Amino acid sequence: MHDTIRVDEAYLKLITDHSMAPRHGRQFTHQGEINTEISKRAWIVVDRYIEFKKRGRQPLTLVEFPLLAG
């Protein structure tokens, strides 16, 4: 799926590293800048997935969707 929507693992790492805590357990907050970046990246990935589905499950082109890295 990484190749299909043109996103590398390093780009997703910020999202996954901060989503490991229990959902209803101990509450903690991240810095505002980190939350903003996590939200931005997550929505970009979701938008690309939706575009992939709209195009009949065809991989996104590198010209239209440059690789999201790091």
PDB file of N, CA and C in Angstrom:
ATOM      1  N   MET A   1       0.825  -1.190   0.000  1.00  0.00           N
ATOM      2  CA  MET A   1       0.000   0.000   0.000  1.00  0.00           C
ATOM      3  C   MET A   1       0.873   1.259   0.000  1.00  0.00           C
ATOM      4  N   HIS A   2       2.045   1.194   0.617  1.00  0.00           N
ATOM      5  CA  HIS A   2       2.943   2.359   0.617  1.00  0.00           C
ATOM      6  C   HIS A   2       3.251   2.814  -0.798  1.00  0.00           C
ATOM      7  N   ASP A   3       3.580   1.881  -1.664  1.00  0.00           N
ATOM      8  CA  ASP A   3       3.895   2.225  -3.051  1.00  0.00           C
ATOM      9  C   ASP A   3       2.662   2.718  -3.805  1.00  0.00           C
ATOM     10  N   THR A   4       1.522   2.159  -3.492  1.00  0.00           N
ATOM     11  CA  THR A   4       0.283   2.493  -4.185  1.00  0.00           C
ATOM     12  C   THR A   4      -0.137   3.937  -3.954  1.00  0.00           C
ATOM     13  N   ILE A   5      -0.011   4.412  -2.713  1.00  0.00           N
ATOM     14  CA  ILE A   5      -0.417   5.796  -2.430  1.00  0.00           C
ATOM     15  C   ILE A   5       0.784   6.739  -2.293  1.00  0.00           C
ATOM     16  N   ARG A   6       1.964   6.236  -2.598  1.00  0.00           N
ATOM     17  CA  ARG A   6       3.195   7.035  -2.647  1.00  0.00           C
ATOM     18  C   ARG A   6       3.553   7.674  -1.299  1.00  0.00           C
ATOM     19  N   VAL A   7       3.721   6.817  -0.297  1.00  0.00           N
ATOM     20  CA  VAL A   7       4.130   7.291   1.028  1.00  0.00           C
ATOM     21  C   VAL A   7       5.141   6.304   1.593  1.00  0.00           C
ATOM     22  N   ASP A   8       6.218   6.812   2.179  1.00  0.00           N
ATOM     23  CA  ASP A   8       7.204   5.889   2.739  1.00  0.00           C
ATOM     24  C   ASP A   8       6.985   5.708   4.244  1.00  0.00           C
ATOM     25  N   GLU A   9       7.596   4.701   4.773  1.00  0.00           N
ATOM     26  CA  GLU A   9       7.404   4.342   6.175  1.00  0.00           C
ATOM     27  C   GLU A   9       7.854   5.445   7.120  1.00  0.00           C
ATOM     28  N   ALA A  10       8.909   6.152   6.776  1.00  0.00           N
ATOM     29  CA  ALA A  10       9.408   7.232   7.640  1.00  0.00           C
ATOM     30  C   ALA A  10       8.359   8.340   7.794  1.00  0.00           C
ATOM     31  N   TYR A  11       7.595   8.610   6.735  1.00  0.00           N
ATOM     32  CA  TYR A  11       6.547   9.631   6.797  1.00  0.00           C
ATOM     33  C   TYR A  11       5.456   9.227   7.790  1.00  0.00           C
ATOM     34  N   LEU A  12       5.134   7.942   7.830  1.00  0.00           N
ATOM     35  CA  LEU A  12       4.092   7.445   8.719  1.00  0.00           C
ATOM     36  C   LEU A  12       4.573   7.258  10.158  1.00  0.00           C
ATOM     37  N   LYS A  13       5.872   7.184  10.350  1.00  0.00           N
ATOM     38  CA  LYS A  13       6.432   6.883  11.667  1.00  0.00           C
ATOM     39  C   LYS A  13       6.010   7.893  12.728  1.00  0.00           C
ATOM     40  N   LEU A  14       5.951   9.168  12.397  1.00  0.00           N
ATOM     41  CA  LEU A  14       5.517  10.170  13.367  1.00  0.00           C
ATOM     42  C   LEU A  14       4.099   9.873  13.849  1.00  0.00           C
ATOM     43  N   ILE A  15       3.232   9.480  12.940  1.00  0.00           N
ATOM     44  CA  ILE A  15       1.846   9.161  13.296  1.00  0.00           C
ATOM     45  C   ILE A  15       1.804   7.922  14.182  1.00  0.00           C
ATOM     46  N   THR A  16       2.457   6.869  13.752  1.00  0.00           N
ATOM     47  CA  THR A  16       2.374   5.609  14.495  1.00  0.00           C
ATOM     48  C   THR A  16       3.090   5.670  15.842  1.00  0.00           C
ATOM     49  N   ASP A  17       4.191   6.402  15.902  1.00  0.00           N
ATOM     50  CA  ASP A  17       4.910   6.506  17.177  1.00  0.00           C
ATOM     51  C   ASP A  17       4.086   7.205  18.252  1.00  0.00           C
ATOM     52  N   HIS A  18       3.227   8.122  17.853  1.00  0.00           N
ATOM     53  CA  HIS A  18       2.426   8.865  18.828  1.00  0.00           C
ATOM     54  C   HIS A  18       1.035   8.284  19.019  1.00  0.00           C
ATOM     55  N   SER A  19       0.756   7.160  18.403  1.00  0.00           N
ATOM     56  CA  SER A  19      -0.572   6.555  18.555  1.00  0.00           C
ATOM     57  C   SER A  19      -0.502   5.234  19.321  1.00  0.00           C
ATOM     58  N   MET A  20       0.567   5.021  20.044  1.00  0.00           N
ATOM     59  CA  MET A  20       0.752   3.758  20.747  1.00  0.00           C
ATOM     60  C   MET A  20       0.107   3.709  22.131  1.00  0.00           C
ATOM     61  N   ALA A  21      -0.178   4.845  22.721  1.00  0.00           N
ATOM     62  CA  ALA A  21      -0.745   4.863  24.073  1.00  0.00           C
ATOM     63  C   ALA A  21      -2.171   4.322  24.064  1.00  0.00           C
ATOM     64  N   PRO A  22      -2.619   3.775  25.188  1.00  0.00           N
ATOM     65  CA  PRO A  22      -3.997   3.280  25.266  1.00  0.00           C
ATOM     66  C   PRO A  22      -5.003   4.408  25.019  1.00  0.00           C
ATOM     67  N   ARG A  23      -6.075   4.084  24.376  1.00  0.00           N
ATOM     68  CA  ARG A  23      -7.079   5.100  24.026  1.00  0.00           C
ATOM     69  C   ARG A  23      -7.801   5.665  25.250  1.00  0.00           C
ATOM     70  N   HIS A  24      -8.048   4.843  26.266  1.00  0.00           N
ATOM     71  CA  HIS A  24      -8.836   5.298  27.407  1.00  0.00           C
ATOM     72  C   HIS A  24      -8.056   5.218  28.707  1.00  0.00           C
ATOM     73  N   GLY A  25      -6.783   5.074  28.593  1.00  0.00           N
ATOM     74  CA  GLY A  25      -5.946   4.977  29.782  1.00  0.00           C
ATOM     75  C   GLY A  25      -5.428   6.332  30.200  1.00  0.00           C
ATOM     76  N   ARG A  26      -4.224   6.340  30.640  1.00  0.00           N
ATOM     77  CA  ARG A  26      -3.583   7.555  31.116  1.00  0.00           C
ATOM     78  C   ARG A  26      -3.587   8.610  30.013  1.00  0.00           C
ATOM     79  N   GLN A  27      -4.062   9.775  30.328  1.00  0.00           N
ATOM     80  CA  GLN A  27      -4.129  10.856  29.350  1.00  0.00           C
ATOM     81  C   GLN A  27      -2.840  11.660  29.369  1.00  0.00           C
ATOM     82  N   PHE A  28      -2.390  12.047  28.234  1.00  0.00           N
ATOM     83  CA  PHE A  28      -1.242  12.926  28.116  1.00  0.00           C
ATOM     84  C   PHE A  28      -1.407  13.750  26.859  1.00  0.00           C
ATOM     85  N   THR A  29      -0.677  14.819  26.788  1.00  0.00           N
ATOM     86  CA  THR A  29      -0.789  15.675  25.611  1.00  0.00           C
ATOM     87  C   THR A  29       0.571  15.810  24.945  1.00  0.00           C
ATOM     88  N   HIS A  30       0.522  15.987  23.665  1.00  0.00           N
ATOM     89  CA  HIS A  30       1.720  16.268  22.889  1.00  0.00           C
ATOM     90  C   HIS A  30       1.793  17.774  22.699  1.00  0.00           C
ATOM     91  N   GLN A  31       2.921  18.227  22.319  1.00  0.00           N
ATOM     92  CA  GLN A  31       3.058  19.649  22.013  1.00  0.00           C
ATOM     93  C   GLN A  31       2.166  19.997  20.829  1.00  0.00           C
ATOM     94  N   GLY A  32       1.688  21.210  20.812  1.00  0.00           N
ATOM     95  CA  GLY A  32       0.777  21.657  19.757  1.00  0.00           C
ATOM     96  C   GLY A  32       1.326  21.466  18.355  1.00  0.00           C
ATOM     97  N   GLU A  33       2.605  21.750  18.160  1.00  0.00           N
ATOM     98  CA  GLU A  33       3.205  21.606  16.838  1.00  0.00           C
ATOM     99  C   GLU A  33       3.208  20.150  16.381  1.00  0.00           C
ATOM    100  N   ILE A  34       3.462  19.249  17.301  1.00  0.00           N
ATOM    101  CA  ILE A  34       3.471  17.820  16.965  1.00  0.00           C
ATOM    102  C   ILE A  34       2.061  17.365  16.609  1.00  0.00           C
ATOM    103  N   ASN A  35       1.067  17.777  17.401  1.00  0.00           N
ATOM    104  CA  ASN A  35      -0.327  17.418  17.097  1.00  0.00           C
ATOM    105  C   ASN A  35      -0.736  17.928  15.727  1.00  0.00           C
ATOM    106  N   THR A  36      -0.338  19.148  15.414  1.00  0.00           N
ATOM    107  CA  THR A  36      -0.678  19.721  14.117  1.00  0.00           C
ATOM    108  C   THR A  36      -0.055  18.908  12.986  1.00  0.00           C
ATOM    109  N   GLU A  37       1.208  18.549  13.131  1.00  0.00           N
ATOM    110  CA  GLU A  37       1.891  17.779  12.090  1.00  0.00           C
ATOM    111  C   GLU A  37       1.303  16.372  11.951  1.00  0.00           C
ATOM    112  N   ILE A  38       0.985  15.733  13.072  1.00  0.00           N
ATOM    113  CA  ILE A  38       0.364  14.402  13.029  1.00  0.00           C
ATOM    114  C   ILE A  38      -0.968  14.471  12.295  1.00  0.00           C
ATOM    115  N   SER A  39      -1.797  15.446  12.640  1.00  0.00           N
ATOM    116  CA  SER A  39      -3.104  15.597  11.990  1.00  0.00           C
ATOM    117  C   SER A  39      -2.948  15.856  10.497  1.00  0.00           C
ATOM    118  N   LYS A  40      -2.023  16.740  10.151  1.00  0.00           N
ATOM    119  CA  LYS A  40      -1.795  17.062   8.740  1.00  0.00           C
ATOM    120  C   LYS A  40      -1.392  15.819   7.953  1.00  0.00           C
ATOM    121  N   ARG A  41      -0.433  15.082   8.482  1.00  0.00           N
ATOM    122  CA  ARG A  41       0.034  13.876   7.779  1.00  0.00           C
ATOM    123  C   ARG A  41      -1.065  12.828   7.666  1.00  0.00           C
ATOM    124  N   ALA A  42      -1.811  12.639   8.744  1.00  0.00           N
ATOM    125  CA  ALA A  42      -2.881  11.628   8.720  1.00  0.00           C
ATOM    126  C   ALA A  42      -3.917  11.967   7.652  1.00  0.00           C
ATOM    127  N   TRP A  43      -4.319  13.231   7.553  1.00  0.00           N
ATOM    128  CA  TRP A  43      -5.310  13.610   6.560  1.00  0.00           C
ATOM    129  C   TRP A  43      -4.777  13.508   5.142  1.00  0.00           C
ATOM    130  N   ILE A  44      -3.510  13.802   4.949  1.00  0.00           N
ATOM    131  CA  ILE A  44      -2.923  13.650   3.613  1.00  0.00           C
ATOM    132  C   ILE A  44      -2.958  12.186   3.186  1.00  0.00           C
ATOM    133  N   VAL A  45      -2.616  11.292   4.102  1.00  0.00           N
ATOM    134  CA  VAL A  45      -2.647   9.859   3.798  1.00  0.00           C
ATOM    135  C   VAL A  45      -4.080   9.412   3.497  1.00  0.00           C
ATOM    136  N   VAL A  46      -5.039   9.863   4.297  1.00  0.00           N
ATOM    137  CA  VAL A  46      -6.447   9.509   4.064  1.00  0.00           C
ATOM    138  C   VAL A  46      -6.910  10.044   2.704  1.00  0.00           C
ATOM    139  N   ASP A  47      -6.560  11.285   2.396  1.00  0.00           N
ATOM    140  CA  ASP A  47      -6.935  11.854   1.098  1.00  0.00           C
ATOM    141  C   ASP A  47      -6.378  11.031  -0.057  1.00  0.00           C
ATOM    142  N   ARG A  48      -5.143  10.595   0.084  1.00  0.00           N
ATOM    143  CA  ARG A  48      -4.543   9.769  -0.971  1.00  0.00           C
ATOM    144  C   ARG A  48      -5.241   8.419  -1.081  1.00  0.00           C
ATOM    145  N   TYR A  49      -5.614   7.841   0.037  1.00  0.00           N
ATOM    146  CA  TYR A  49      -6.315   6.560  -0.005  1.00  0.00           C
ATOM    147  C   TYR A  49      -7.679   6.723  -0.692  1.00  0.00           C
ATOM    148  N   ILE A  50      -8.382   7.790  -0.372  1.00  0.00           N
ATOM    149  CA  ILE A  50      -9.673   8.043  -1.016  1.00  0.00           C
ATOM    150  C   ILE A  50      -9.484   8.225  -2.518  1.00  0.00           C
ATOM    151  N   GLU A  51      -8.459   8.951  -2.911  1.00  0.00           N
ATOM    152  CA  GLU A  51      -8.180   9.137  -4.338  1.00  0.00           C
ATOM    153  C   GLU A  51      -7.874   7.797  -5.011  1.00  0.00           C
ATOM    154  N   PHE A  52      -7.131   6.938  -4.346  1.00  0.00           N
ATOM    155  CA  PHE A  52      -6.838   5.597  -4.836  1.00  0.00           C
ATOM    156  C   PHE A  52      -8.138   4.824  -5.076  1.00  0.00           C
ATOM    157  N   LYS A  53      -9.057   4.893  -4.126  1.00  0.00           N
ATOM    158  CA  LYS A  53     -10.342   4.198  -4.272  1.00  0.00           C
ATOM    159  C   LYS A  53     -11.174   4.807  -5.407  1.00  0.00           C
ATOM    160  N   LYS A  54     -11.184   6.137  -5.527  1.00  0.00           N
ATOM    161  CA  LYS A  54     -11.944   6.801  -6.590  1.00  0.00           C
ATOM    162  C   LYS A  54     -11.442   6.416  -7.967  1.00  0.00           C
ATOM    163  N   ARG A  55     -10.154   6.136  -8.070  1.00  0.00           N
ATOM    164  CA  ARG A  55      -9.550   5.785  -9.366  1.00  0.00           C
ATOM    165  C   ARG A  55      -9.630   4.288  -9.656  1.00  0.00           C
ATOM    166  N   GLY A  56     -10.510   3.610  -8.988  1.00  0.00           N
ATOM    167  CA  GLY A  56     -10.700   2.190  -9.256  1.00  0.00           C
ATOM    168  C   GLY A  56      -9.561   1.321  -8.750  1.00  0.00           C
ATOM    169  N   ARG A  57      -8.971   1.735  -7.638  1.00  0.00           N
ATOM    170  CA  ARG A  57      -7.900   0.990  -6.989  1.00  0.00           C
ATOM    171  C   ARG A  57      -6.633   0.905  -7.847  1.00  0.00           C
ATOM    172  N   GLN A  58      -6.419   1.934  -8.657  1.00  0.00           N
ATOM    173  CA  GLN A  58      -5.200   2.027  -9.454  1.00  0.00           C
ATOM    174  C   GLN A  58      -4.150   2.807  -8.659  1.00  0.00           C
ATOM    175  N   PRO A  59      -2.900   2.373  -8.687  1.00  0.00           N
ATOM    176  CA  PRO A  59      -1.852   3.111  -7.966  1.00  0.00           C
ATOM    177  C   PRO A  59      -1.786   4.569  -8.416  1.00  0.00           C
ATOM    178  N   LEU A  60      -1.526   5.450  -7.485  1.00  0.00           N
ATOM    179  CA  LEU A  60      -1.415   6.870  -7.805  1.00  0.00           C
ATOM    180  C   LEU A  60      -0.124   7.119  -8.576  1.00  0.00           C
ATOM    181  N   THR A  61      -0.185   8.048  -9.521  1.00  0.00           N
ATOM    182  CA  THR A  61       0.986   8.321 -10.342  1.00  0.00           C
ATOM    183  C   THR A  61       1.969   9.214  -9.591  1.00  0.00           C
ATOM    184  N   LEU A  62       3.226   8.991  -9.837  1.00  0.00           N
ATOM    185  CA  LEU A  62       4.279   9.757  -9.188  1.00  0.00           C
ATOM    186  C   LEU A  62       4.248  11.222  -9.622  1.00  0.00           C
ATOM    187  N   VAL A  63       3.796  11.486 -10.842  1.00  0.00           N
ATOM    188  CA  VAL A  63       3.729  12.853 -11.345  1.00  0.00           C
ATOM    189  C   VAL A  63       2.686  13.653 -10.555  1.00  0.00           C
ATOM    190  N   GLU A  64       1.518  13.081 -10.345  1.00  0.00           N
ATOM    191  CA  GLU A  64       0.444  13.774  -9.622  1.00  0.00           C
ATOM    192  C   GLU A  64       0.628  13.727  -8.111  1.00  0.00           C
ATOM    193  N   PHE A  65       1.216  12.652  -7.619  1.00  0.00           N
ATOM    194  CA  PHE A  65       1.365  12.438  -6.190  1.00  0.00           C
ATOM    195  C   PHE A  65       2.813  12.098  -5.861  1.00  0.00           C
ATOM    196  N   PRO A  66       3.635  13.126  -5.659  1.00  0.00           N
ATOM    197  CA  PRO A  66       5.044  12.867  -5.331  1.00  0.00           C
ATOM    198  C   PRO A  66       5.153  12.061  -4.041  1.00  0.00           C
ATOM    199  N   LEU A  67       6.228  11.318  -3.929  1.00  0.00           N
ATOM    200  CA  LEU A  67       6.466  10.485  -2.760  1.00  0.00           C
ATOM    201  C   LEU A  67       6.517  11.345  -1.502  1.00  0.00           C
ATOM    202  N   LEU A  68       5.753  10.945  -0.495  1.00  0.00           N
ATOM    203  CA  LEU A  68       5.822  11.587   0.817  1.00  0.00           C
ATOM    204  C   LEU A  68       6.898  10.876   1.613  1.00  0.00           C
ATOM    205  N   ALA A  69       7.955  11.592   1.919  1.00  0.00           N
ATOM    206  CA  ALA A  69       9.094  10.960   2.598  1.00  0.00           C
ATOM    207  C   ALA A  69       9.415  11.688   3.890  1.00  0.00           C
ATOM    208  N   GLY A  70       9.831  10.888   4.882  1.00  0.00           N
ATOM    209  CA  GLY A  70      10.351  11.385   6.135  1.00  0.00           C
ATOM    210  C   GLY A  70       9.482  12.276   6.845  1.00  0.00           C
TER     211      GLY A  70
END
